[in-house]
Amino acid sequence: MKLSTRRVAQLAVMVALLVIGAYVSIPLRPVPITFQSAFVVLTPLLFGTTAYIAVLAYLLLGLVGLPVFAEGASGLVALSGPTGGFLAGFLLASIVVGVIAEHWHWDSQWRDLALAEGSLVFIYVPGVFWMWHVLLLRGGAAQAALVGLIPIVALDVVKMAVVAALVRPLRSALAEVDGG
């Protein structure tokens, strides 16, 4: 896969937005409310199958020690902590949504809304199971879902609706910049 300089720059901007989204947060435990998920989902809706590059770059920046995760966390400790599964889910969502967005040619706001809301499954499932594993919750995955999702799910659904509303105008603006 050969990426143009313009596409690399666009993906770099998305990495920066992921970092900013991590810092815009409400510090809840064990899962803070952030805007990362909005940018994680916006990226594949705009850039299709190349979106994973931005999310992977973001995760690698955190892995090498840059404080790019929620609340300035970084390193293997952050990736192996209670929210590590959600971070892995970001990569999974970017891959799956990117492939679907690129191959689902029915272009409408409903498609974008379905993909945005559906992406939460790819973020939440690994997040909940990893949290259950790390926190050794007695109630199993159901207890992890209660602890980790109840505080964030309503706001995430709203964030995904906003993302879906922004995709078409942003896609049009990118097409104008790209000359197409």
N, C-alpha and C. Protein backbone atom coordinates (compact mmCIF):
# COMPACT_ATOMS: atom_id res chain seq x y z
N MET A 1 0.84 -1.17 0.00
CA MET A 1 0.00 0.00 0.00
C MET A 1 0.89 1.23 0.00
N LYS A 2 0.70 2.06 -0.98
CA LYS A 2 1.47 3.29 -1.10
C LYS A 2 0.56 4.44 -0.71
N LEU A 3 1.01 5.23 0.27
CA LEU A 3 0.24 6.37 0.73
C LEU A 3 0.86 7.66 0.20
N SER A 4 0.00 8.56 -0.22
CA SER A 4 0.48 9.87 -0.67
C SER A 4 0.94 10.68 0.55
N THR A 5 1.72 11.68 0.28
CA THR A 5 2.17 12.57 1.35
C THR A 5 0.97 13.23 2.02
N ARG A 6 -0.01 13.59 1.21
CA ARG A 6 -1.23 14.22 1.73
C ARG A 6 -1.95 13.27 2.69
N ARG A 7 -2.07 11.99 2.31
CA ARG A 7 -2.77 11.03 3.17
C ARG A 7 -2.01 10.80 4.47
N VAL A 8 -0.68 10.74 4.40
CA VAL A 8 0.13 10.58 5.61
C VAL A 8 -0.10 11.78 6.53
N ALA A 9 -0.14 12.98 5.97
CA ALA A 9 -0.38 14.18 6.77
C ALA A 9 -1.77 14.15 7.39
N GLN A 10 -2.76 13.71 6.62
CA GLN A 10 -4.12 13.61 7.15
C GLN A 10 -4.19 12.61 8.30
N LEU A 11 -3.53 11.48 8.14
CA LEU A 11 -3.52 10.48 9.21
C LEU A 11 -2.76 11.00 10.44
N ALA A 12 -1.72 11.79 10.22
CA ALA A 12 -0.99 12.39 11.34
C ALA A 12 -1.88 13.36 12.11
N VAL A 13 -2.71 14.08 11.40
CA VAL A 13 -3.67 14.97 12.07
C VAL A 13 -4.63 14.14 12.92
N MET A 14 -5.05 13.00 12.42
CA MET A 14 -5.95 12.14 13.20
C MET A 14 -5.25 11.61 14.45
N VAL A 15 -3.96 11.30 14.35
CA VAL A 15 -3.20 10.88 15.54
C VAL A 15 -3.21 12.01 16.56
N ALA A 16 -2.97 13.22 16.11
CA ALA A 16 -2.98 14.38 17.01
C ALA A 16 -4.35 14.54 17.66
N LEU A 17 -5.41 14.34 16.89
CA LEU A 17 -6.76 14.44 17.45
C LEU A 17 -7.02 13.33 18.47
N LEU A 18 -6.48 12.15 18.24
CA LEU A 18 -6.60 11.07 19.23
C LEU A 18 -5.93 11.46 20.54
N VAL A 19 -4.77 12.06 20.45
CA VAL A 19 -4.06 12.50 21.65
C VAL A 19 -4.87 13.58 22.37
N ILE A 20 -5.36 14.55 21.63
CA ILE A 20 -6.17 15.61 22.22
C ILE A 20 -7.43 15.01 22.85
N GLY A 21 -8.04 14.07 22.14
CA GLY A 21 -9.25 13.42 22.66
C GLY A 21 -9.01 12.68 23.95
N ALA A 22 -7.81 12.18 24.15
CA ALA A 22 -7.47 11.49 25.40
C ALA A 22 -7.38 12.47 26.56
N TYR A 23 -6.96 13.69 26.27
CA TYR A 23 -6.80 14.68 27.32
C TYR A 23 -8.10 15.40 27.67
N VAL A 24 -9.07 15.37 26.77
CA VAL A 24 -10.39 15.92 27.07
C VAL A 24 -11.17 14.79 27.73
N SER A 25 -11.16 14.79 29.07
CA SER A 25 -11.73 13.63 29.75
C SER A 25 -12.39 14.00 31.07
N ILE A 26 -13.25 13.11 31.47
CA ILE A 26 -13.86 13.14 32.80
C ILE A 26 -13.28 11.95 33.53
N PRO A 27 -12.48 12.18 34.56
CA PRO A 27 -11.73 11.08 35.19
C PRO A 27 -12.59 10.18 36.08
N LEU A 28 -13.24 9.22 35.48
CA LEU A 28 -13.98 8.20 36.23
C LEU A 28 -13.10 6.98 36.38
N ARG A 29 -13.42 6.11 37.29
CA ARG A 29 -12.69 4.86 37.47
C ARG A 29 -13.63 3.70 37.25
N PRO A 30 -13.23 2.64 36.62
CA PRO A 30 -11.91 2.41 36.05
C PRO A 30 -11.76 2.96 34.64
N VAL A 31 -12.85 3.41 34.01
CA VAL A 31 -12.78 3.89 32.62
C VAL A 31 -13.16 5.36 32.57
N PRO A 32 -12.20 6.23 32.23
CA PRO A 32 -12.55 7.66 32.13
C PRO A 32 -13.36 7.91 30.86
N ILE A 33 -14.15 8.95 30.89
CA ILE A 33 -14.88 9.36 29.69
C ILE A 33 -13.96 10.29 28.90
N THR A 34 -13.68 9.92 27.66
CA THR A 34 -12.81 10.73 26.80
C THR A 34 -13.46 10.92 25.44
N PHE A 35 -12.79 11.70 24.61
CA PHE A 35 -13.25 11.87 23.23
C PHE A 35 -12.45 11.02 22.25
N GLN A 36 -11.60 10.13 22.77
CA GLN A 36 -10.82 9.27 21.89
C GLN A 36 -11.72 8.46 20.97
N SER A 37 -12.76 7.87 21.53
CA SER A 37 -13.61 6.98 20.72
C SER A 37 -14.21 7.72 19.53
N ALA A 38 -14.54 8.99 19.70
CA ALA A 38 -15.09 9.75 18.57
C ALA A 38 -14.08 9.85 17.43
N PHE A 39 -12.82 10.13 17.77
CA PHE A 39 -11.80 10.25 16.73
C PHE A 39 -11.39 8.89 16.18
N VAL A 40 -11.43 7.87 17.02
CA VAL A 40 -11.14 6.50 16.55
C VAL A 40 -12.13 6.11 15.47
N VAL A 41 -13.39 6.45 15.65
CA VAL A 41 -14.43 6.06 14.69
C VAL A 41 -14.47 7.01 13.50
N LEU A 42 -14.21 8.28 13.73
CA LEU A 42 -14.19 9.23 12.62
C LEU A 42 -13.11 8.86 11.60
N THR A 43 -11.98 8.38 12.08
CA THR A 43 -10.85 8.08 11.20
C THR A 43 -11.19 7.04 10.13
N PRO A 44 -11.74 5.87 10.45
CA PRO A 44 -12.06 4.93 9.38
C PRO A 44 -13.24 5.38 8.51
N LEU A 45 -14.14 6.16 9.07
CA LEU A 45 -15.24 6.65 8.26
C LEU A 45 -14.74 7.63 7.19
N LEU A 46 -13.65 8.31 7.49
CA LEU A 46 -13.07 9.23 6.52
C LEU A 46 -12.02 8.59 5.62
N PHE A 47 -11.23 7.67 6.18
CA PHE A 47 -10.06 7.17 5.46
C PHE A 47 -10.08 5.68 5.15
N GLY A 48 -11.18 5.00 5.44
CA GLY A 48 -11.32 3.60 5.07
C GLY A 48 -10.25 2.70 5.65
N THR A 49 -9.69 1.86 4.81
CA THR A 49 -8.77 0.83 5.27
C THR A 49 -7.39 1.36 5.69
N THR A 50 -7.11 2.62 5.44
CA THR A 50 -5.83 3.17 5.89
C THR A 50 -5.93 3.74 7.31
N ALA A 51 -7.12 3.78 7.87
CA ALA A 51 -7.34 4.40 9.18
C ALA A 51 -6.56 3.71 10.29
N TYR A 52 -6.41 2.41 10.18
CA TYR A 52 -5.72 1.67 11.24
C TYR A 52 -4.30 2.21 11.46
N ILE A 53 -3.69 2.79 10.43
CA ILE A 53 -2.34 3.31 10.54
C ILE A 53 -2.28 4.42 11.60
N ALA A 54 -3.27 5.30 11.60
CA ALA A 54 -3.31 6.38 12.58
C ALA A 54 -3.50 5.82 13.99
N VAL A 55 -4.42 4.87 14.14
CA VAL A 55 -4.69 4.30 15.46
C VAL A 55 -3.48 3.50 15.95
N LEU A 56 -2.87 2.74 15.07
CA LEU A 56 -1.68 1.98 15.44
C LEU A 56 -0.54 2.92 15.83
N ALA A 57 -0.35 4.00 15.09
CA ALA A 57 0.69 4.98 15.43
C ALA A 57 0.42 5.58 16.81
N TYR A 58 -0.84 5.89 17.09
CA TYR A 58 -1.21 6.42 18.40
C TYR A 58 -0.87 5.43 19.51
N LEU A 59 -1.23 4.18 19.31
CA LEU A 59 -0.94 3.15 20.32
C LEU A 59 0.56 2.96 20.51
N LEU A 60 1.31 3.00 19.42
CA LEU A 60 2.77 2.85 19.52
C LEU A 60 3.41 4.04 20.24
N LEU A 61 2.88 5.24 20.01
CA LEU A 61 3.39 6.40 20.73
C LEU A 61 3.22 6.22 22.24
N GLY A 62 2.06 5.71 22.62
CA GLY A 62 1.82 5.44 24.04
C GLY A 62 2.68 4.32 24.57
N LEU A 63 2.85 3.29 23.76
CA LEU A 63 3.66 2.14 24.18
C LEU A 63 5.11 2.53 24.47
N VAL A 64 5.67 3.43 23.66
CA VAL A 64 7.06 3.82 23.86
C VAL A 64 7.24 4.84 24.98
N GLY A 65 6.14 5.25 25.59
CA GLY A 65 6.25 6.10 26.78
C GLY A 65 5.76 7.52 26.67
N LEU A 66 5.27 7.92 25.51
CA LEU A 66 4.72 9.27 25.41
C LEU A 66 3.36 9.29 26.11
N PRO A 67 3.07 10.33 26.87
CA PRO A 67 1.83 10.36 27.66
C PRO A 67 0.60 10.72 26.81
N VAL A 68 0.21 9.81 25.93
CA VAL A 68 -0.86 10.11 24.98
C VAL A 68 -2.20 9.46 25.33
N PHE A 69 -2.21 8.57 26.31
CA PHE A 69 -3.45 7.90 26.69
C PHE A 69 -4.21 8.77 27.69
N ALA A 70 -5.42 8.37 28.02
CA ALA A 70 -6.26 9.13 28.93
C ALA A 70 -5.51 9.43 30.22
N GLU A 71 -5.69 10.65 30.68
CA GLU A 71 -5.07 11.13 31.92
C GLU A 71 -3.54 11.10 31.87
N GLY A 72 -2.96 11.16 30.67
CA GLY A 72 -1.51 11.21 30.52
C GLY A 72 -0.80 9.89 30.74
N ALA A 73 -1.54 8.80 30.72
CA ALA A 73 -0.93 7.49 30.91
C ALA A 73 -0.13 7.10 29.68
N SER A 74 0.80 6.15 29.88
CA SER A 74 1.60 5.66 28.77
C SER A 74 2.24 4.34 29.15
N GLY A 75 2.90 3.74 28.19
CA GLY A 75 3.69 2.54 28.42
C GLY A 75 2.87 1.27 28.52
N LEU A 76 3.61 0.20 28.78
CA LEU A 76 3.01 -1.12 28.89
C LEU A 76 2.05 -1.20 30.07
N VAL A 77 2.31 -0.43 31.10
CA VAL A 77 1.42 -0.42 32.27
C VAL A 77 0.02 0.03 31.85
N ALA A 78 -0.07 1.07 31.04
CA ALA A 78 -1.38 1.56 30.58
C ALA A 78 -2.05 0.54 29.67
N LEU A 79 -1.27 -0.07 28.79
CA LEU A 79 -1.85 -1.05 27.87
C LEU A 79 -2.27 -2.33 28.59
N SER A 80 -1.62 -2.65 29.69
CA SER A 80 -1.97 -3.87 30.41
C SER A 80 -2.92 -3.60 31.58
N GLY A 81 -3.27 -2.34 31.81
CA GLY A 81 -4.17 -1.98 32.89
C GLY A 81 -5.63 -2.19 32.49
N PRO A 82 -6.56 -1.75 33.34
CA PRO A 82 -7.98 -1.99 33.11
C PRO A 82 -8.53 -1.45 31.79
N THR A 83 -7.93 -0.38 31.27
CA THR A 83 -8.44 0.18 30.01
C THR A 83 -7.70 -0.32 28.78
N GLY A 84 -6.74 -1.21 28.96
CA GLY A 84 -5.96 -1.73 27.83
C GLY A 84 -6.81 -2.41 26.78
N GLY A 85 -7.85 -3.08 27.18
CA GLY A 85 -8.74 -3.74 26.22
C GLY A 85 -9.50 -2.74 25.35
N PHE A 86 -9.83 -1.60 25.93
CA PHE A 86 -10.50 -0.56 25.15
C PHE A 86 -9.52 0.00 24.11
N LEU A 87 -8.25 0.16 24.50
CA LEU A 87 -7.24 0.64 23.56
C LEU A 87 -7.06 -0.36 22.42
N ALA A 88 -7.03 -1.66 22.75
CA ALA A 88 -6.97 -2.68 21.69
C ALA A 88 -8.23 -2.63 20.83
N GLY A 89 -9.37 -2.37 21.46
CA GLY A 89 -10.62 -2.24 20.73
C GLY A 89 -10.61 -1.08 19.75
N PHE A 90 -9.85 -0.03 20.08
CA PHE A 90 -9.72 1.09 19.15
C PHE A 90 -9.12 0.60 17.83
N LEU A 91 -8.08 -0.21 17.93
CA LEU A 91 -7.44 -0.73 16.72
C LEU A 91 -8.39 -1.66 15.97
N LEU A 92 -9.05 -2.54 16.70
CA LEU A 92 -10.01 -3.45 16.08
C LEU A 92 -11.12 -2.68 15.36
N ALA A 93 -11.67 -1.67 16.03
CA ALA A 93 -12.75 -0.87 15.42
C ALA A 93 -12.25 -0.15 14.18
N SER A 94 -11.03 0.38 14.24
CA SER A 94 -10.53 1.11 13.07
C SER A 94 -10.35 0.19 11.87
N ILE A 95 -9.95 -1.05 12.12
CA ILE A 95 -9.77 -2.01 11.02
C ILE A 95 -11.13 -2.43 10.46
N VAL A 96 -12.02 -2.88 11.32
CA VAL A 96 -13.31 -3.41 10.87
C VAL A 96 -14.15 -2.32 10.22
N VAL A 97 -14.27 -1.18 10.89
CA VAL A 97 -15.09 -0.10 10.33
C VAL A 97 -14.45 0.44 9.05
N GLY A 98 -13.13 0.50 9.01
CA GLY A 98 -12.45 0.95 7.80
C GLY A 98 -12.75 0.06 6.60
N VAL A 99 -12.70 -1.25 6.81
CA VAL A 99 -12.99 -2.19 5.72
C VAL A 99 -14.45 -2.07 5.28
N ILE A 100 -15.35 -2.03 6.25
CA ILE A 100 -16.77 -1.94 5.90
C ILE A 100 -17.06 -0.61 5.20
N ALA A 101 -16.53 0.49 5.74
CA ALA A 101 -16.78 1.81 5.15
C ALA A 101 -16.26 1.89 3.72
N GLU A 102 -15.13 1.27 3.48
CA GLU A 102 -14.55 1.34 2.15
C GLU A 102 -15.31 0.48 1.14
N HIS A 103 -15.92 -0.60 1.61
CA HIS A 103 -16.59 -1.52 0.70
C HIS A 103 -18.11 -1.40 0.68
N TRP A 104 -18.69 -0.69 1.63
CA TRP A 104 -20.14 -0.49 1.67
C TRP A 104 -20.42 0.80 0.91
N HIS A 105 -20.83 0.66 -0.33
CA HIS A 105 -20.91 1.81 -1.23
C HIS A 105 -22.18 2.63 -1.09
N TRP A 106 -23.11 2.20 -0.27
CA TRP A 106 -24.32 2.97 -0.03
C TRP A 106 -23.94 4.15 0.85
N ASP A 107 -23.81 5.31 0.26
CA ASP A 107 -23.31 6.48 0.97
C ASP A 107 -24.48 7.31 1.49
N SER A 108 -24.68 7.28 2.77
CA SER A 108 -25.73 8.09 3.38
C SER A 108 -25.38 8.33 4.85
N GLN A 109 -26.09 9.25 5.44
CA GLN A 109 -25.88 9.52 6.86
C GLN A 109 -26.32 8.33 7.69
N TRP A 110 -27.28 7.54 7.21
CA TRP A 110 -27.73 6.35 7.95
C TRP A 110 -26.64 5.30 7.98
N ARG A 111 -25.93 5.15 6.88
CA ARG A 111 -24.80 4.22 6.85
C ARG A 111 -23.75 4.63 7.86
N ASP A 112 -23.42 5.93 7.85
CA ASP A 112 -22.42 6.44 8.77
C ASP A 112 -22.86 6.27 10.22
N LEU A 113 -24.14 6.48 10.48
CA LEU A 113 -24.66 6.31 11.84
C LEU A 113 -24.59 4.84 12.26
N ALA A 114 -24.97 3.93 11.36
CA ALA A 114 -24.92 2.50 11.67
C ALA A 114 -23.48 2.06 11.95
N LEU A 115 -22.55 2.52 11.13
CA LEU A 115 -21.14 2.15 11.35
C LEU A 115 -20.59 2.76 12.63
N ALA A 116 -20.93 4.02 12.89
CA ALA A 116 -20.43 4.67 14.10
C ALA A 116 -20.95 3.99 15.35
N GLU A 117 -22.25 3.77 15.41
CA GLU A 117 -22.83 3.13 16.60
C GLU A 117 -22.37 1.68 16.70
N GLY A 118 -22.29 0.98 15.58
CA GLY A 118 -21.84 -0.41 15.59
C GLY A 118 -20.39 -0.55 15.99
N SER A 119 -19.60 0.47 15.75
CA SER A 119 -18.18 0.41 16.12
C SER A 119 -17.99 0.26 17.62
N LEU A 120 -18.94 0.70 18.39
CA LEU A 120 -18.82 0.60 19.85
C LEU A 120 -18.69 -0.85 20.30
N VAL A 121 -19.30 -1.77 19.56
CA VAL A 121 -19.18 -3.19 19.89
C VAL A 121 -17.73 -3.63 19.82
N PHE A 122 -17.01 -3.17 18.79
CA PHE A 122 -15.61 -3.57 18.61
C PHE A 122 -14.69 -2.91 19.63
N ILE A 123 -15.14 -1.83 20.22
CA ILE A 123 -14.37 -1.18 21.29
C ILE A 123 -14.73 -1.79 22.64
N TYR A 124 -16.03 -1.98 22.88
CA TYR A 124 -16.50 -2.44 24.18
C TYR A 124 -16.18 -3.90 24.49
N VAL A 125 -16.33 -4.79 23.52
CA VAL A 125 -16.14 -6.22 23.81
C VAL A 125 -14.73 -6.52 24.32
N PRO A 126 -13.68 -6.13 23.59
CA PRO A 126 -12.36 -6.40 24.16
C PRO A 126 -12.11 -5.61 25.45
N GLY A 127 -12.69 -4.42 25.54
CA GLY A 127 -12.51 -3.62 26.74
C GLY A 127 -13.10 -4.28 27.97
N VAL A 128 -14.31 -4.79 27.84
CA VAL A 128 -14.98 -5.42 28.97
C VAL A 128 -14.28 -6.72 29.37
N PHE A 129 -13.95 -7.53 28.39
CA PHE A 129 -13.29 -8.80 28.72
C PHE A 129 -11.91 -8.58 29.32
N TRP A 130 -11.16 -7.60 28.83
CA TRP A 130 -9.84 -7.32 29.40
C TRP A 130 -9.99 -6.77 30.82
N MET A 131 -10.95 -5.88 31.03
CA MET A 131 -11.17 -5.33 32.36
C MET A 131 -11.53 -6.43 33.36
N TRP A 132 -12.36 -7.34 32.93
CA TRP A 132 -12.75 -8.47 33.77
C TRP A 132 -11.50 -9.27 34.16
N HIS A 133 -10.65 -9.51 33.18
CA HIS A 133 -9.41 -10.26 33.41
C HIS A 133 -8.47 -9.53 34.37
N VAL A 134 -8.27 -8.24 34.14
CA VAL A 134 -7.31 -7.46 34.93
C VAL A 134 -7.80 -7.21 36.35
N LEU A 135 -9.07 -6.87 36.48
CA LEU A 135 -9.60 -6.53 37.80
C LEU A 135 -10.10 -7.75 38.59
N LEU A 136 -10.08 -8.92 37.95
CA LEU A 136 -10.52 -10.15 38.61
C LEU A 136 -11.90 -9.99 39.24
N LEU A 137 -12.82 -9.46 38.47
CA LEU A 137 -14.18 -9.21 38.97
C LEU A 137 -14.93 -10.51 39.16
N ARG A 138 -15.53 -10.69 40.31
CA ARG A 138 -16.23 -11.94 40.64
C ARG A 138 -17.47 -12.17 39.80
N GLY A 139 -18.13 -11.12 39.38
CA GLY A 139 -19.35 -11.26 38.60
C GLY A 139 -19.10 -11.55 37.14
N GLY A 140 -17.86 -11.76 36.75
CA GLY A 140 -17.52 -12.08 35.37
C GLY A 140 -17.64 -10.88 34.46
N ALA A 141 -17.87 -11.19 33.19
CA ALA A 141 -17.95 -10.16 32.17
C ALA A 141 -19.14 -9.23 32.42
N ALA A 142 -20.22 -9.77 32.98
CA ALA A 142 -21.38 -8.94 33.27
C ALA A 142 -21.02 -7.87 34.30
N GLN A 143 -20.27 -8.23 35.31
CA GLN A 143 -19.83 -7.27 36.33
C GLN A 143 -18.90 -6.23 35.70
N ALA A 144 -18.02 -6.69 34.83
CA ALA A 144 -17.11 -5.75 34.14
C ALA A 144 -17.89 -4.78 33.28
N ALA A 145 -18.93 -5.27 32.60
CA ALA A 145 -19.77 -4.39 31.78
C ALA A 145 -20.46 -3.35 32.64
N LEU A 146 -20.96 -3.76 33.79
CA LEU A 146 -21.61 -2.81 34.69
C LEU A 146 -20.63 -1.76 35.18
N VAL A 147 -19.45 -2.18 35.58
CA VAL A 147 -18.45 -1.27 36.12
C VAL A 147 -17.89 -0.36 35.04
N GLY A 148 -17.60 -0.92 33.87
CA GLY A 148 -16.91 -0.17 32.84
C GLY A 148 -17.78 0.56 31.85
N LEU A 149 -18.98 0.04 31.58
CA LEU A 149 -19.79 0.62 30.51
C LEU A 149 -20.91 1.53 30.97
N ILE A 150 -21.53 1.22 32.07
CA ILE A 150 -22.67 2.03 32.50
C ILE A 150 -22.34 3.52 32.55
N PRO A 151 -21.19 3.90 33.10
CA PRO A 151 -20.89 5.34 33.15
C PRO A 151 -20.63 5.98 31.78
N ILE A 152 -20.25 5.18 30.77
CA ILE A 152 -19.81 5.79 29.50
C ILE A 152 -20.72 5.55 28.31
N VAL A 153 -21.59 4.55 28.37
CA VAL A 153 -22.30 4.14 27.16
C VAL A 153 -23.24 5.22 26.62
N ALA A 154 -23.98 5.90 27.46
CA ALA A 154 -24.93 6.91 26.96
C ALA A 154 -24.19 8.04 26.23
N LEU A 155 -23.12 8.51 26.81
CA LEU A 155 -22.36 9.58 26.16
C LEU A 155 -21.69 9.08 24.89
N ASP A 156 -21.22 7.83 24.88
CA ASP A 156 -20.61 7.29 23.66
C ASP A 156 -21.63 7.19 22.52
N VAL A 157 -22.84 6.82 22.82
CA VAL A 157 -23.89 6.75 21.78
C VAL A 157 -24.12 8.14 21.19
N VAL A 158 -24.16 9.15 22.04
CA VAL A 158 -24.33 10.52 21.57
C VAL A 158 -23.12 10.96 20.74
N LYS A 159 -21.91 10.64 21.23
CA LYS A 159 -20.69 11.00 20.48
C LYS A 159 -20.70 10.37 19.09
N MET A 160 -21.15 9.13 18.99
CA MET A 160 -21.17 8.46 17.69
C MET A 160 -22.19 9.11 16.74
N ALA A 161 -23.30 9.58 17.30
CA ALA A 161 -24.29 10.28 16.47
C ALA A 161 -23.69 11.58 15.93
N VAL A 162 -22.93 12.27 16.75
CA VAL A 162 -22.27 13.51 16.32
C VAL A 162 -21.23 13.18 15.24
N VAL A 163 -20.45 12.13 15.46
CA VAL A 163 -19.47 11.70 14.46
C VAL A 163 -20.15 11.42 13.13
N ALA A 164 -21.26 10.68 13.17
CA ALA A 164 -21.98 10.35 11.94
C ALA A 164 -22.48 11.60 11.23
N ALA A 165 -22.89 12.60 11.99
CA ALA A 165 -23.35 13.85 11.39
C ALA A 165 -22.20 14.65 10.76
N LEU A 166 -21.00 14.49 11.29
CA LEU A 166 -19.85 15.24 10.78
C LEU A 166 -19.16 14.59 9.59
N VAL A 167 -19.36 13.30 9.40
CA VAL A 167 -18.60 12.57 8.38
C VAL A 167 -18.83 13.10 6.98
N ARG A 168 -20.06 13.27 6.57
CA ARG A 168 -20.33 13.70 5.18
C ARG A 168 -19.73 15.07 4.87
N PRO A 169 -19.94 16.09 5.72
CA PRO A 169 -19.31 17.38 5.40
C PRO A 169 -17.77 17.31 5.40
N LEU A 170 -17.21 16.54 6.33
CA LEU A 170 -15.75 16.40 6.35
C LEU A 170 -15.24 15.64 5.13
N ARG A 171 -15.97 14.61 4.74
CA ARG A 171 -15.59 13.85 3.54
C ARG A 171 -15.63 14.76 2.31
N SER A 172 -16.65 15.60 2.22
CA SER A 172 -16.75 16.54 1.09
C SER A 172 -15.59 17.54 1.10
N ALA A 173 -15.26 18.04 2.28
CA ALA A 173 -14.15 18.99 2.38
C ALA A 173 -12.83 18.32 1.99
N LEU A 174 -12.63 17.08 2.42
CA LEU A 174 -11.41 16.36 2.04
C LEU A 174 -11.36 16.11 0.54
N ALA A 175 -12.50 15.82 -0.07
CA ALA A 175 -12.54 15.59 -1.51
C ALA A 175 -12.18 16.87 -2.26
N GLU A 176 -12.63 18.01 -1.77
CA GLU A 176 -12.29 19.28 -2.40
C GLU A 176 -10.80 19.56 -2.29
N VAL A 177 -10.23 19.29 -1.12
CA VAL A 177 -8.78 19.49 -0.92
C VAL A 177 -7.98 18.54 -1.82
N ASP A 178 -8.48 17.30 -1.96
CA ASP A 178 -7.79 16.31 -2.78
C ASP A 178 -8.02 16.55 -4.26
N GLY A 179 -8.91 17.49 -4.60
CA GLY A 179 -9.16 17.79 -6.00
C GLY A 179 -10.14 16.84 -6.65
N GLY A 180 -10.94 16.17 -5.85
CA GLY A 180 -11.87 15.20 -6.40
C GLY A 180 -13.18 15.42 -5.90
